Amino acid sequence: MDSNPELLQSEYWARVKGRQGWRASRIPYGDSGREIFLGDSALVLERSLGPVNFAYCGHGFPLSPAGEAAEPSRLQRTAVELLLGGRKTLSRGSLFLRWDVPWSQLFWTPPRELPIRPSPVRVQPPDTVIIDLRPDPETILSRMKSKTRYNIRLAEKRGVLVERAEPEELDSWYAMYRETALRDRISIHSFAYYRSIFSTADRMDAPESPDIALYLARHESDLLAGIVVSRWRGRATYLYGASSSVKRNLMANHLLQWRAMVDARAGGCTDYDLFGIPPAAEDETHPMHGLYRFKTGFGGTIIHRPGCFDIDRFGLAPLLFHGAERLRQWYHHSWRKRRR
């Protein structure tokens, strides 16, 4: 069985994205990569956008213990060489291969002669917080900021109830998620996409299927908040979160995350990924600064990754495509938000 712990590299994720029109293939590591990267291959997803195709490798080539001891230049060169070789399996019209690097910046050196350039857009958040779940719960709590511990206990004291809900309640969560998206000016997928997150896992055999959990927080008759969390090969990841505008003073979101951490630990997970923070605490003007304070309040280790890079993107067509990407990003993150 492939030992890759990255959910975005799993057969499960290939099937989820396959429902959206992505085609999956794998790049074998071979002898050159098997020593320093976890797993045996890298999952690549390819999609057509009009007359052109592009490919994406999400968090491919996670480091093994031997990889973490290797020179950063060797890690980067080996991964890029494998990606370049894997391009032969892509469609003839594929413009480039985009790679989201799973390593910390500590293992990254600026590319020089390699045909790799920074992408103009982000796909996965490069900065995150990882909570160590190996200590006992009291120790985990003690490592949190005092305000976070206070808010968890406040929610419990005020009678907020958190339960792991059945997937049938996903429609109630999604209605709240749409409310969250309007309030916070973020883009979300259709309901069918989030339903496929659960149904795809249900249809797979146990060894290859992650545990996808929906947690809902209620107070009396009010639904206050809900989160979606995956558990896969010892790692729990907070994927999506929604919250109502009512009773926000009850701090339901803090209790939700704590319950998910406790359950993940009981289920054998050793870490909990809060999945996405702004790159710096000092930037109080950043639209996600409040989210930074919320997530870092749980303690843990802050990880800064290099982000997305495009492999072998030369010629006029890729440049035009990237210009269209920048325009789309400006529309969703600037113009559309101002209109709202």
Foldseek 3Di string as FASTA:
>chain_A
DFQDFDPCFAPLVQVLCVVVAWHKDWQALPPLQPVFFGTGTWIKIKHDDPPAIEIETEQPGHTDPVNVVDALVSSVVSVLVSVVVVCVPDDPRYQWYKYWHNDFCVSHDDDDPAQKDFAPDFDFAQKWFKQFLPDDLVVLLVQFAPVLNVLLVLLVVLAKDKDFDDLVCVVVQVVQVVVQCVVLQADDDDSVSVSSSPVSLVPDDDVRHWDWTKMWIDDDPDTAKIWIWTAGNQEIETDDIGGDPPPVVSSRVSNRVSVVSVVSSVVRHRMYIDTHADPDQVPPVPSRNVVNCNRCSSPGDMGGGPGMMIHNRDDDVSVVVSVVVVVVCCVRPPVSSVVD
